[in-house]
Amino acid sequence: MEARQFVSFKLAGRLMGLDIRQVREINRALDITPVQHAQPHVRGLLNLRGQIVTVFDLGQRLGLGPQEITAETHNVVLKDDEVALLVDAVGEAVEVPQDQIEGPPANPGGLADGFIQEVVKLHDDLLVILSVEKILALD
């Protein structure tokens, strides 16, 4: 049976994830330079070994409000885009059989509409898989 892997993380007390194939790396919330007049969900820019990466406040983007940066905050740097997503804390990689992955729920539970791609019922929690395409889409 085919399985898929997801990077899991916490955001506003919820367990969320991204397809591991879409993630280049994960690092601590380094020095983020604010950008004036940027959209509310753009937290700023990050110099990642000479590459300029735009940091999205994922909580703000999903309609959960701005995030507070703590010692647990990390950047999830996406593979194909110069974008990092600010998350509250990083979990572990989760491998899930394909038949345990379900479509998005009718009621997204407080998340802005359209960002949930799939959900996975784990033994003790619900893993919400986000759509990178929707997160990066211009409003």
N, C-alpha and C. Protein backbone atom coordinates (compact mmCIF):
# COMPACT_ATOMS: atom_id res chain seq x y z
N MET A 1 0.84 -1.18 0.00
CA MET A 1 0.00 0.00 0.00
C MET A 1 0.89 1.25 0.00
N GLU A 2 0.55 2.17 -0.85
CA GLU A 2 1.33 3.39 -0.97
C GLU A 2 1.10 4.29 0.25
N ALA A 3 2.18 4.95 0.69
CA ALA A 3 2.08 5.86 1.83
C ALA A 3 2.64 7.21 1.41
N ARG A 4 2.19 8.25 2.10
CA ARG A 4 2.71 9.60 1.87
C ARG A 4 3.31 10.12 3.17
N GLN A 5 4.27 11.05 3.02
CA GLN A 5 4.91 11.63 4.20
C GLN A 5 4.58 13.11 4.28
N PHE A 6 4.39 13.57 5.52
CA PHE A 6 4.07 14.95 5.78
C PHE A 6 4.99 15.50 6.87
N VAL A 7 5.34 16.78 6.75
CA VAL A 7 6.02 17.50 7.82
C VAL A 7 4.92 18.05 8.70
N SER A 8 4.97 17.77 10.00
CA SER A 8 3.92 18.26 10.89
C SER A 8 4.44 19.44 11.71
N PHE A 9 3.50 20.31 12.08
CA PHE A 9 3.84 21.46 12.91
C PHE A 9 2.61 21.94 13.65
N LYS A 10 2.83 22.73 14.69
CA LYS A 10 1.73 23.32 15.46
C LYS A 10 1.55 24.76 15.02
N LEU A 11 0.29 25.16 14.94
CA LEU A 11 -0.05 26.54 14.61
C LEU A 11 -1.35 26.85 15.34
N ALA A 12 -1.30 27.84 16.22
CA ALA A 12 -2.47 28.24 17.01
C ALA A 12 -3.11 27.03 17.70
N GLY A 13 -2.28 26.15 18.23
CA GLY A 13 -2.76 24.99 18.97
C GLY A 13 -3.27 23.85 18.13
N ARG A 14 -3.16 23.95 16.82
CA ARG A 14 -3.65 22.90 15.92
C ARG A 14 -2.48 22.17 15.28
N LEU A 15 -2.67 20.88 15.00
CA LEU A 15 -1.67 20.09 14.31
C LEU A 15 -1.92 20.21 12.81
N MET A 16 -0.92 20.71 12.10
CA MET A 16 -1.04 20.89 10.67
C MET A 16 0.16 20.27 9.98
N GLY A 17 0.08 20.18 8.66
CA GLY A 17 1.19 19.58 7.93
C GLY A 17 1.21 20.00 6.48
N LEU A 18 2.36 19.69 5.88
CA LEU A 18 2.57 19.91 4.45
C LEU A 18 3.18 18.64 3.88
N ASP A 19 2.91 18.38 2.61
CA ASP A 19 3.54 17.26 1.93
C ASP A 19 5.06 17.46 2.01
N ILE A 20 5.77 16.45 2.45
CA ILE A 20 7.22 16.57 2.68
C ILE A 20 7.97 16.90 1.39
N ARG A 21 7.39 16.53 0.24
CA ARG A 21 8.05 16.81 -1.04
C ARG A 21 8.05 18.30 -1.38
N GLN A 22 7.23 19.09 -0.68
CA GLN A 22 7.15 20.53 -0.94
C GLN A 22 8.04 21.35 -0.01
N VAL A 23 8.74 20.67 0.92
CA VAL A 23 9.54 21.36 1.93
C VAL A 23 11.03 21.17 1.64
N ARG A 24 11.75 22.29 1.57
CA ARG A 24 13.20 22.22 1.35
C ARG A 24 13.94 22.05 2.65
N GLU A 25 13.59 22.86 3.66
CA GLU A 25 14.28 22.77 4.94
C GLU A 25 13.44 23.46 6.01
N ILE A 26 13.82 23.22 7.25
CA ILE A 26 13.18 23.86 8.40
C ILE A 26 14.28 24.46 9.25
N ASN A 27 14.09 25.72 9.65
CA ASN A 27 15.09 26.35 10.51
C ASN A 27 14.41 27.25 11.52
N ARG A 28 15.19 27.67 12.51
CA ARG A 28 14.67 28.58 13.53
C ARG A 28 14.27 29.90 12.88
N ALA A 29 13.40 30.62 13.54
CA ALA A 29 12.99 31.94 13.05
C ALA A 29 14.18 32.89 13.23
N LEU A 30 14.95 33.02 12.18
CA LEU A 30 16.15 33.85 12.21
C LEU A 30 15.75 35.32 12.12
N ASP A 31 16.69 36.17 11.86
CA ASP A 31 16.41 37.60 11.76
C ASP A 31 15.55 37.90 10.54
N ILE A 32 14.31 38.26 10.81
CA ILE A 32 13.36 38.58 9.75
C ILE A 32 13.30 40.09 9.63
N THR A 33 13.58 40.60 8.43
CA THR A 33 13.55 42.04 8.18
C THR A 33 12.16 42.44 7.71
N PRO A 34 11.47 43.31 8.46
CA PRO A 34 10.13 43.73 8.05
C PRO A 34 10.15 44.47 6.71
N VAL A 35 9.04 44.39 5.98
CA VAL A 35 8.89 45.08 4.70
C VAL A 35 7.72 46.04 4.84
N GLN A 36 7.97 47.32 4.62
CA GLN A 36 6.89 48.30 4.72
C GLN A 36 5.90 48.12 3.58
N HIS A 37 4.65 48.36 3.87
CA HIS A 37 3.55 48.33 2.89
C HIS A 37 3.31 46.95 2.28
N ALA A 38 3.80 45.90 2.93
CA ALA A 38 3.55 44.54 2.44
C ALA A 38 2.16 44.09 2.89
N GLN A 39 1.65 43.04 2.27
CA GLN A 39 0.37 42.47 2.70
C GLN A 39 0.49 42.03 4.16
N PRO A 40 -0.62 42.01 4.90
CA PRO A 40 -0.57 41.69 6.33
C PRO A 40 0.08 40.34 6.66
N HIS A 41 -0.06 39.35 5.76
CA HIS A 41 0.51 38.03 6.05
C HIS A 41 2.00 37.93 5.72
N VAL A 42 2.58 38.96 5.11
CA VAL A 42 4.02 38.93 4.82
C VAL A 42 4.74 39.48 6.04
N ARG A 43 5.43 38.59 6.76
CA ARG A 43 6.12 38.98 7.99
C ARG A 43 7.40 39.75 7.69
N GLY A 44 8.04 39.42 6.57
CA GLY A 44 9.27 40.12 6.20
C GLY A 44 10.13 39.26 5.30
N LEU A 45 11.41 39.63 5.23
CA LEU A 45 12.38 38.92 4.39
C LEU A 45 13.45 38.28 5.26
N LEU A 46 13.98 37.18 4.77
CA LEU A 46 14.99 36.42 5.47
C LEU A 46 16.15 36.17 4.52
N ASN A 47 17.37 36.40 4.98
CA ASN A 47 18.55 36.09 4.18
C ASN A 47 18.99 34.68 4.57
N LEU A 48 18.74 33.74 3.67
CA LEU A 48 19.04 32.34 3.93
C LEU A 48 20.24 31.93 3.08
N ARG A 49 21.42 32.06 3.67
CA ARG A 49 22.68 31.75 2.98
C ARG A 49 22.77 32.46 1.62
N GLY A 50 22.43 33.75 1.63
CA GLY A 50 22.55 34.56 0.42
C GLY A 50 21.31 34.60 -0.44
N GLN A 51 20.35 33.76 -0.17
CA GLN A 51 19.09 33.77 -0.92
C GLN A 51 18.05 34.53 -0.10
N ILE A 52 17.36 35.47 -0.74
CA ILE A 52 16.32 36.24 -0.07
C ILE A 52 15.01 35.45 -0.13
N VAL A 53 14.43 35.20 1.04
CA VAL A 53 13.22 34.39 1.16
C VAL A 53 12.14 35.26 1.81
N THR A 54 10.93 35.26 1.25
CA THR A 54 9.80 35.97 1.84
C THR A 54 9.19 35.09 2.92
N VAL A 55 9.01 35.66 4.12
CA VAL A 55 8.44 34.91 5.24
C VAL A 55 6.97 35.26 5.39
N PHE A 56 6.11 34.24 5.26
CA PHE A 56 4.67 34.42 5.47
C PHE A 56 4.34 34.08 6.92
N ASP A 57 3.57 34.93 7.57
CA ASP A 57 3.00 34.62 8.88
C ASP A 57 1.82 33.69 8.59
N LEU A 58 2.03 32.39 8.78
CA LEU A 58 1.01 31.42 8.37
C LEU A 58 -0.28 31.60 9.16
N GLY A 59 -0.20 31.96 10.43
CA GLY A 59 -1.40 32.20 11.21
C GLY A 59 -2.23 33.34 10.63
N GLN A 60 -1.57 34.41 10.26
CA GLN A 60 -2.26 35.56 9.65
C GLN A 60 -2.85 35.15 8.30
N ARG A 61 -2.11 34.39 7.52
CA ARG A 61 -2.56 33.97 6.19
C ARG A 61 -3.81 33.09 6.26
N LEU A 62 -3.88 32.25 7.30
CA LEU A 62 -5.00 31.32 7.44
C LEU A 62 -6.19 31.92 8.18
N GLY A 63 -6.07 33.19 8.58
CA GLY A 63 -7.17 33.83 9.28
C GLY A 63 -7.20 33.57 10.77
N LEU A 64 -6.08 33.10 11.33
CA LEU A 64 -6.00 32.79 12.76
C LEU A 64 -5.36 33.93 13.56
N GLY A 65 -4.96 35.00 12.89
CA GLY A 65 -4.33 36.13 13.57
C GLY A 65 -2.82 36.04 13.52
N PRO A 66 -2.13 37.15 13.81
CA PRO A 66 -0.67 37.17 13.74
C PRO A 66 -0.03 36.28 14.81
N GLN A 67 1.13 35.74 14.46
CA GLN A 67 1.86 34.86 15.37
C GLN A 67 2.85 35.63 16.22
N GLU A 68 3.04 35.12 17.42
CA GLU A 68 4.07 35.65 18.30
C GLU A 68 5.31 34.78 18.12
N ILE A 69 6.47 35.40 17.94
CA ILE A 69 7.70 34.62 17.76
C ILE A 69 8.24 34.24 19.15
N THR A 70 8.45 32.93 19.32
CA THR A 70 8.97 32.39 20.58
C THR A 70 10.21 31.55 20.28
N ALA A 71 10.75 30.92 21.31
CA ALA A 71 11.91 30.04 21.12
C ALA A 71 11.56 28.82 20.29
N GLU A 72 10.28 28.45 20.23
CA GLU A 72 9.83 27.28 19.47
C GLU A 72 9.49 27.60 18.01
N THR A 73 9.37 28.88 17.67
CA THR A 73 8.96 29.28 16.32
C THR A 73 10.00 28.85 15.29
N HIS A 74 9.52 28.33 14.17
CA HIS A 74 10.39 27.90 13.08
C HIS A 74 9.87 28.41 11.74
N ASN A 75 10.77 28.41 10.77
CA ASN A 75 10.43 28.69 9.38
C ASN A 75 10.43 27.36 8.62
N VAL A 76 9.35 27.10 7.91
CA VAL A 76 9.31 25.95 7.00
C VAL A 76 9.54 26.52 5.61
N VAL A 77 10.73 26.27 5.05
CA VAL A 77 11.11 26.83 3.76
C VAL A 77 10.62 25.89 2.66
N LEU A 78 9.83 26.44 1.75
CA LEU A 78 9.27 25.63 0.67
C LEU A 78 10.30 25.39 -0.42
N LYS A 79 10.16 24.26 -1.09
CA LYS A 79 11.16 23.81 -2.06
C LYS A 79 11.22 24.66 -3.32
N ASP A 80 10.08 24.92 -3.96
CA ASP A 80 10.11 25.52 -5.28
C ASP A 80 9.92 27.03 -5.30
N ASP A 81 9.67 27.62 -4.15
CA ASP A 81 9.40 29.05 -4.10
C ASP A 81 10.35 29.68 -3.07
N GLU A 82 10.62 30.95 -3.25
CA GLU A 82 11.45 31.64 -2.26
C GLU A 82 10.56 32.12 -1.13
N VAL A 83 9.89 31.16 -0.47
CA VAL A 83 8.93 31.46 0.59
C VAL A 83 9.18 30.54 1.78
N ALA A 84 9.09 31.13 2.99
CA ALA A 84 9.12 30.36 4.23
C ALA A 84 7.83 30.64 4.98
N LEU A 85 7.32 29.62 5.66
CA LEU A 85 6.10 29.76 6.44
C LEU A 85 6.46 29.73 7.92
N LEU A 86 6.06 30.77 8.63
CA LEU A 86 6.33 30.88 10.07
C LEU A 86 5.33 30.01 10.81
N VAL A 87 5.81 29.04 11.62
CA VAL A 87 4.94 28.15 12.39
C VAL A 87 5.33 28.19 13.86
N ASP A 88 4.39 27.84 14.75
CA ASP A 88 4.64 27.93 16.19
C ASP A 88 5.69 26.93 16.68
N ALA A 89 5.62 25.70 16.21
CA ALA A 89 6.56 24.66 16.62
C ALA A 89 6.53 23.56 15.58
N VAL A 90 7.68 22.93 15.35
CA VAL A 90 7.78 21.87 14.36
C VAL A 90 7.63 20.52 15.05
N GLY A 91 6.84 19.64 14.42
CA GLY A 91 6.68 18.27 14.93
C GLY A 91 7.61 17.35 14.18
N GLU A 92 7.14 16.14 13.97
CA GLU A 92 7.96 15.16 13.27
C GLU A 92 7.38 14.85 11.90
N ALA A 93 8.14 14.13 11.12
CA ALA A 93 7.63 13.66 9.85
C ALA A 93 6.65 12.52 10.15
N VAL A 94 5.52 12.54 9.45
CA VAL A 94 4.46 11.55 9.67
C VAL A 94 4.25 10.81 8.36
N GLU A 95 4.31 9.48 8.42
CA GLU A 95 4.04 8.66 7.24
C GLU A 95 2.64 8.06 7.39
N VAL A 96 1.83 8.25 6.36
CA VAL A 96 0.42 7.85 6.44
C VAL A 96 0.06 7.02 5.21
N PRO A 97 -0.57 5.85 5.40
CA PRO A 97 -1.07 5.10 4.25
C PRO A 97 -2.10 5.92 3.48
N GLN A 98 -2.08 5.82 2.18
CA GLN A 98 -2.95 6.61 1.31
C GLN A 98 -4.43 6.46 1.69
N ASP A 99 -4.84 5.28 2.11
CA ASP A 99 -6.27 5.06 2.41
C ASP A 99 -6.73 5.71 3.71
N GLN A 100 -5.81 6.28 4.49
CA GLN A 100 -6.18 6.98 5.72
C GLN A 100 -6.28 8.49 5.51
N ILE A 101 -6.02 8.95 4.30
CA ILE A 101 -6.07 10.38 3.99
C ILE A 101 -7.45 10.70 3.43
N GLU A 102 -8.11 11.69 4.03
CA GLU A 102 -9.46 12.05 3.63
C GLU A 102 -9.48 13.45 3.03
N GLY A 103 -10.53 13.74 2.29
CA GLY A 103 -10.70 15.07 1.71
C GLY A 103 -10.96 16.11 2.79
N PRO A 104 -10.98 17.38 2.40
CA PRO A 104 -11.18 18.44 3.39
C PRO A 104 -12.59 18.39 3.98
N PRO A 105 -12.73 18.79 5.25
CA PRO A 105 -14.05 18.80 5.88
C PRO A 105 -14.90 19.94 5.34
N ALA A 106 -16.21 19.79 5.47
CA ALA A 106 -17.14 20.84 5.03
C ALA A 106 -17.00 22.09 5.90
N ASN A 107 -16.71 21.89 7.20
CA ASN A 107 -16.53 23.00 8.13
C ASN A 107 -15.05 23.09 8.49
N PRO A 108 -14.34 24.11 8.01
CA PRO A 108 -12.89 24.18 8.24
C PRO A 108 -12.47 24.57 9.65
N GLY A 109 -13.40 24.76 10.57
CA GLY A 109 -13.06 25.00 11.97
C GLY A 109 -12.29 26.28 12.23
N GLY A 110 -12.72 27.38 11.66
CA GLY A 110 -12.07 28.66 11.94
C GLY A 110 -10.98 29.05 10.96
N LEU A 111 -10.58 28.14 10.09
CA LEU A 111 -9.57 28.48 9.10
C LEU A 111 -10.23 29.18 7.92
N ALA A 112 -9.52 30.11 7.32
CA ALA A 112 -10.02 30.76 6.12
C ALA A 112 -10.30 29.68 5.07
N ASP A 113 -11.31 29.88 4.30
CA ASP A 113 -11.81 28.86 3.36
C ASP A 113 -10.78 28.49 2.29
N GLY A 114 -10.69 27.20 1.99
CA GLY A 114 -9.90 26.73 0.87
C GLY A 114 -8.47 26.32 1.16
N PHE A 115 -7.98 26.57 2.37
CA PHE A 115 -6.57 26.27 2.65
C PHE A 115 -6.34 24.81 3.01
N ILE A 116 -7.39 24.10 3.42
CA ILE A 116 -7.23 22.69 3.80
C ILE A 116 -7.32 21.82 2.56
N GLN A 117 -6.28 21.04 2.33
CA GLN A 117 -6.24 20.14 1.18
C GLN A 117 -6.78 18.76 1.55
N GLU A 118 -6.35 18.26 2.72
CA GLU A 118 -6.73 16.93 3.18
C GLU A 118 -6.65 16.89 4.70
N VAL A 119 -7.20 15.84 5.29
CA VAL A 119 -7.04 15.62 6.72
C VAL A 119 -6.69 14.15 6.96
N VAL A 120 -5.98 13.93 8.07
CA VAL A 120 -5.60 12.58 8.45
C VAL A 120 -5.98 12.40 9.92
N LYS A 121 -6.77 11.37 10.21
CA LYS A 121 -7.11 11.07 11.60
C LYS A 121 -6.00 10.22 12.18
N LEU A 122 -5.24 10.82 13.09
CA LEU A 122 -4.21 10.09 13.80
C LEU A 122 -4.83 9.48 15.05
N HIS A 123 -4.11 8.63 15.75
CA HIS A 123 -4.70 7.96 16.92
C HIS A 123 -5.08 8.94 18.03
N ASP A 124 -4.42 10.11 18.11
CA ASP A 124 -4.72 11.04 19.21
C ASP A 124 -4.98 12.48 18.74
N ASP A 125 -5.03 12.71 17.44
CA ASP A 125 -5.20 14.07 16.95
C ASP A 125 -5.65 14.04 15.50
N LEU A 126 -5.94 15.22 14.97
CA LEU A 126 -6.30 15.36 13.56
C LEU A 126 -5.21 16.17 12.88
N LEU A 127 -4.60 15.62 11.86
CA LEU A 127 -3.55 16.31 11.11
C LEU A 127 -4.21 16.98 9.90
N VAL A 128 -4.14 18.31 9.87
CA VAL A 128 -4.73 19.10 8.79
C VAL A 128 -3.63 19.38 7.76
N ILE A 129 -3.79 18.86 6.55
CA ILE A 129 -2.81 19.06 5.49
C ILE A 129 -3.21 20.30 4.70
N LEU A 130 -2.29 21.25 4.63
CA LEU A 130 -2.56 22.53 3.96
C LEU A 130 -2.18 22.49 2.49
N SER A 131 -2.86 23.31 1.71
CA SER A 131 -2.56 23.45 0.29
C SER A 131 -1.55 24.57 0.09
N VAL A 132 -0.34 24.22 -0.32
CA VAL A 132 0.70 25.22 -0.56
C VAL A 132 0.25 26.18 -1.68
N GLU A 133 -0.42 25.63 -2.69
CA GLU A 133 -0.88 26.46 -3.80
C GLU A 133 -1.82 27.56 -3.30
N LYS A 134 -2.74 27.22 -2.40
CA LYS A 134 -3.68 28.21 -1.87
C LYS A 134 -2.96 29.23 -0.98
N ILE A 135 -2.01 28.77 -0.20
CA ILE A 135 -1.26 29.67 0.68
C ILE A 135 -0.50 30.71 -0.14
N LEU A 136 0.06 30.29 -1.26
CA LEU A 136 0.88 31.18 -2.08
C LEU A 136 0.06 32.01 -3.06
N ALA A 137 -1.20 31.64 -3.28
CA ALA A 137 -2.04 32.34 -4.26
C ALA A 137 -2.26 33.78 -3.83
N LEU A 138 -2.24 34.67 -4.81
CA LEU A 138 -2.52 36.08 -4.53
C LEU A 138 -4.00 36.25 -4.28
N ASP A 139 -4.32 37.11 -3.34
CA ASP A 139 -5.74 37.38 -3.03
C ASP A 139 -6.38 38.18 -4.13
